[in-house]
Amino acid sequence: MTNRHWRKSQSEDFFIKDSRRKGYRSRSVYKLSEIDDRFNIFKNVKSVIDIGSCPGGWSDFARRRIKKGKVIAIDINEMEPIGGVTFIHGSIEDQTLQDNVFGQNNKEKFDLIISDMSPNKSGNKVSDQYKFYNIADGILEFSQNVLISKGVLVMKVFIGHGFEEFKSDLKENFERVSYFKPKSSRRESRETYVIAKNIRYN
């Protein structure tokens, strides 16, 4: 094994082992932690929606950060329960689910949306990107309906087909848009994270 691959392996082993030691459900929690350290996304936050929440690492981290606030986790797959987190099974494209989300927060809008959702890989990168950005467009549209005017959207995106168009859509809908790749992301990954703040037309 080369030194470069050894260092990479050691780094990934650290995040995996440390997440288990601290009781987190996934290593991706370190990405959210880095984003919070950099952008302070949980400041004054009392309500959070986690889209594509399984296996629950981000939902659990959000619960720990806001303590008594409301955390809603949404996924098309079932998720093991987390104390203090309300799980809703289904897709955000479902209007009934959206109504349920509002009902869980006393019909009030939310402070923060987080999403670490990834596409299901078919082997065709262009097709996978297309499918992912269809989902991403849905998350963006959903955010305009459920976030407060000073709300924040944090979500994973992938550089490639559809990325530039999605960047333009974000600029049209949010006053401040930043991009950040955490150190805990795998170096070879095309993922980066959007931190979008302050809805323009709310």
Protein backbone atom coordinates (compact mmCIF):
# COMPACT_ATOMS: atom_id res chain seq x y z
CA MET A 1 0.00 0.00 0.00
CA THR A 2 1.38 3.45 -0.94
CA ASN A 3 1.76 6.18 1.68
CA ARG A 4 -1.05 8.15 0.06
CA HIS A 5 -3.47 5.23 0.18
CA TRP A 6 -2.36 4.37 3.71
CA ARG A 7 -3.09 7.92 4.91
CA LYS A 8 -6.47 7.87 3.16
CA SER A 9 -7.33 4.52 4.75
CA GLN A 10 -6.27 5.72 8.19
CA SER A 11 -8.35 8.90 7.84
CA GLU A 12 -11.47 6.98 6.82
CA ASP A 13 -10.91 4.44 9.60
CA PHE A 14 -10.75 7.30 12.12
CA PHE A 15 -14.15 8.71 11.11
CA ILE A 16 -15.76 5.27 11.09
CA LYS A 17 -14.32 4.21 14.44
CA ASP A 18 -14.93 7.57 16.12
CA SER A 19 -18.54 7.69 14.93
CA ARG A 20 -19.13 4.25 16.46
CA ARG A 21 -17.42 5.26 19.69
CA LYS A 22 -19.65 8.33 20.02
CA GLY A 23 -22.78 6.43 19.09
CA TYR A 24 -23.45 8.12 15.75
CA ARG A 25 -25.23 6.16 13.05
CA SER A 26 -22.91 7.15 10.19
CA ARG A 27 -19.55 8.78 9.48
CA SER A 28 -21.34 11.50 7.50
CA VAL A 29 -22.16 13.21 10.80
CA TYR A 30 -18.64 14.66 10.68
CA LYS A 31 -19.51 16.46 7.47
CA LEU A 32 -22.47 18.15 9.14
CA SER A 33 -20.32 18.98 12.15
CA GLU A 34 -17.72 20.65 9.92
CA ILE A 35 -20.44 22.59 8.10
CA ASP A 36 -21.83 23.78 11.43
CA ASP A 37 -18.37 24.79 12.66
CA ARG A 38 -17.81 26.82 9.50
CA PHE A 39 -21.26 28.35 8.92
CA ASN A 40 -22.94 28.16 12.36
CA ILE A 41 -26.09 26.73 10.80
CA PHE A 42 -27.73 25.71 14.09
CA LYS A 43 -27.56 29.16 15.70
CA ASN A 44 -30.98 30.10 17.11
CA VAL A 45 -32.56 27.13 15.31
CA LYS A 46 -35.64 25.58 16.88
CA SER A 47 -36.95 23.47 14.00
CA VAL A 48 -35.18 21.24 11.47
CA ILE A 49 -36.21 19.01 8.57
CA ASP A 50 -33.80 16.25 7.51
CA ILE A 51 -34.62 15.04 3.98
CA GLY A 52 -33.34 11.61 3.01
CA SER A 53 -32.58 10.96 6.65
CA CYS A 54 -31.65 7.25 6.71
CA PRO A 55 -29.75 5.85 8.54
CA GLY A 56 -30.27 8.85 10.85
CA GLY A 57 -26.82 10.30 11.54
CA TRP A 58 -27.73 13.85 10.57
CA SER A 59 -31.07 13.72 12.38
CA ASP A 60 -29.35 12.54 15.55
CA PHE A 61 -26.72 15.29 15.30
CA ALA A 62 -29.43 17.92 14.78
CA ARG A 63 -31.33 16.64 17.81
CA ARG A 64 -28.20 16.90 19.95
CA ARG A 65 -27.52 20.44 18.72
CA ILE A 66 -30.96 21.96 19.21
CA LYS A 67 -31.93 19.79 22.19
CA LYS A 68 -35.58 20.72 22.87
CA GLY A 69 -36.34 21.90 19.34
CA LYS A 70 -38.34 20.05 16.69
CA VAL A 71 -36.52 17.65 14.33
CA ILE A 72 -38.48 16.04 11.49
CA ALA A 73 -36.80 13.24 9.53
CA ILE A 74 -38.15 12.24 6.11
CA ASP A 75 -37.19 9.24 3.99
CA ILE A 76 -38.75 6.82 1.52
CA ASN A 77 -37.00 4.05 3.47
CA GLU A 78 -37.87 3.11 7.02
CA MET A 79 -35.54 4.45 9.73
CA GLU A 80 -34.83 3.10 13.19
CA PRO A 81 -36.36 5.44 15.81
CA ILE A 82 -34.30 8.23 17.41
CA GLY A 83 -35.46 9.77 20.67
CA GLY A 84 -36.62 13.34 20.11
CA VAL A 85 -36.89 12.92 16.32
CA THR A 86 -40.20 12.58 14.47
CA PHE A 87 -39.87 10.29 11.46
CA ILE A 88 -42.21 10.57 8.47
CA HIS A 89 -42.09 7.80 5.89
CA GLY A 90 -42.50 9.02 2.31
CA SER A 91 -41.40 11.48 -0.36
CA ILE A 92 -41.32 15.27 -0.07
CA GLU A 93 -43.09 15.38 -3.45
CA ASP A 94 -46.21 14.04 -1.72
CA GLN A 95 -48.53 16.91 -0.81
CA THR A 96 -50.09 14.91 2.02
CA LEU A 97 -46.64 14.43 3.52
CA GLN A 98 -45.92 18.16 3.22
CA ASP A 99 -49.13 18.94 5.07
CA ASN A 100 -48.12 16.42 7.74
CA VAL A 101 -44.73 18.13 8.12
CA PHE A 102 -46.42 21.48 8.79
CA GLY A 103 -48.81 19.83 11.21
CA GLN A 104 -45.91 18.38 13.20
CA ASN A 105 -44.62 21.94 13.71
CA ASN A 106 -47.97 23.50 14.67
CA LYS A 107 -48.33 24.72 11.05
CA GLU A 108 -45.32 27.00 11.47
CA LYS A 109 -42.44 27.27 9.00
CA PHE A 110 -39.02 25.78 9.75
CA ASP A 111 -35.64 27.35 10.47
CA LEU A 112 -33.39 24.82 8.74
CA ILE A 113 -33.49 22.07 6.12
CA ILE A 114 -30.61 19.59 5.89
CA SER A 115 -30.13 16.83 3.32
CA ASP A 116 -27.32 14.35 2.77
CA MET A 117 -29.24 12.46 0.11
CA SER A 118 -27.29 10.63 -2.60
CA PRO A 119 -28.52 9.21 -5.92
CA ASN A 120 -29.05 5.51 -6.43
CA LYS A 121 -26.21 4.58 -8.78
CA SER A 122 -27.09 2.79 -12.00
CA GLY A 123 -23.63 2.89 -13.58
CA ASN A 124 -24.65 5.64 -16.01
CA LYS A 125 -23.22 8.87 -14.58
CA VAL A 126 -25.27 11.19 -16.79
CA SER A 127 -28.50 9.38 -15.98
CA ASP A 128 -27.65 9.32 -12.26
CA GLN A 129 -26.91 13.06 -12.28
CA TYR A 130 -30.17 13.77 -14.09
CA LYS A 131 -32.17 11.76 -11.55
CA PHE A 132 -30.36 13.40 -8.64
CA TYR A 133 -31.03 16.94 -9.83
CA ASN A 134 -34.70 16.12 -10.35
CA ILE A 135 -34.73 15.29 -6.63
CA ALA A 136 -32.63 18.37 -5.82
CA ASP A 137 -35.09 20.59 -7.68
CA GLY A 138 -37.85 19.11 -5.55
CA ILE A 139 -35.92 19.88 -2.37
CA LEU A 140 -35.34 23.45 -3.53
CA GLU A 141 -39.03 23.95 -4.31
CA PHE A 142 -39.99 22.39 -0.97
CA SER A 143 -37.61 24.73 0.85
CA GLN A 144 -39.37 27.77 -0.59
CA ASN A 145 -42.63 26.59 0.92
CA VAL A 146 -41.50 25.49 4.37
CA LEU A 147 -38.57 27.73 5.39
CA ILE A 148 -38.87 31.03 7.21
CA SER A 149 -37.55 34.06 5.30
CA LYS A 150 -34.20 33.88 7.14
CA GLY A 151 -34.11 30.10 6.88
CA VAL A 152 -31.18 27.97 5.78
CA LEU A 153 -30.93 25.09 3.32
CA VAL A 154 -27.94 22.73 3.62
CA MET A 155 -27.74 19.93 1.09
CA LYS A 156 -25.34 17.66 -0.72
CA VAL A 157 -24.89 18.21 -4.46
CA PHE A 158 -22.66 16.60 -7.06
CA ILE A 159 -20.42 18.43 -9.51
CA GLY A 160 -21.22 17.38 -13.06
CA HIS A 161 -24.23 17.36 -15.36
CA GLY A 162 -26.96 19.66 -14.00
CA PHE A 163 -24.77 21.34 -11.37
CA GLU A 164 -24.39 24.76 -13.03
CA GLU A 165 -28.10 25.04 -13.75
CA PHE A 166 -28.91 24.17 -10.15
CA LYS A 167 -26.43 26.81 -8.95
CA SER A 168 -28.34 29.40 -10.98
CA ASP A 169 -31.64 28.28 -9.48
CA LEU A 170 -30.20 28.61 -5.97
CA LYS A 171 -29.02 32.16 -6.67
CA GLU A 172 -32.48 33.07 -7.89
CA ASN A 173 -34.10 31.81 -4.71
CA PHE A 174 -31.60 32.64 -1.94
CA GLU A 175 -29.69 35.82 -1.14
CA ARG A 176 -26.53 34.05 0.05
CA VAL A 177 -25.23 30.79 -1.40
CA SER A 178 -21.95 29.14 -0.36
CA TYR A 179 -20.28 25.84 -1.28
CA PHE A 180 -18.12 23.76 1.01
CA LYS A 181 -16.43 20.36 0.81
CA PRO A 182 -15.69 19.02 4.32
CA LYS A 183 -12.36 17.40 5.09
CA SER A 184 -14.28 14.29 6.10
CA SER A 185 -15.57 13.89 2.53
CA ARG A 186 -13.68 11.35 0.50
CA ARG A 187 -11.16 13.15 -1.67
CA GLU A 188 -12.23 11.41 -4.87
CA SER A 189 -15.92 12.19 -4.33
CA ARG A 190 -17.63 14.74 -6.59
CA GLU A 191 -19.84 15.81 -3.69
CA THR A 192 -19.92 19.27 -2.22
CA TYR A 193 -22.42 20.97 0.08
CA VAL A 194 -24.67 23.96 -0.51
CA ILE A 195 -25.31 26.39 2.32
CA ALA A 196 -28.10 28.70 1.14
CA LYS A 197 -29.49 31.44 3.37
CA ASN A 198 -32.30 33.98 3.28
CA ILE A 199 -35.11 33.23 0.83
CA ARG A 200 -35.63 36.02 -1.71
CA TYR A 201 -39.37 35.71 -2.27
CA ASN A 202 -40.86 34.60 1.02
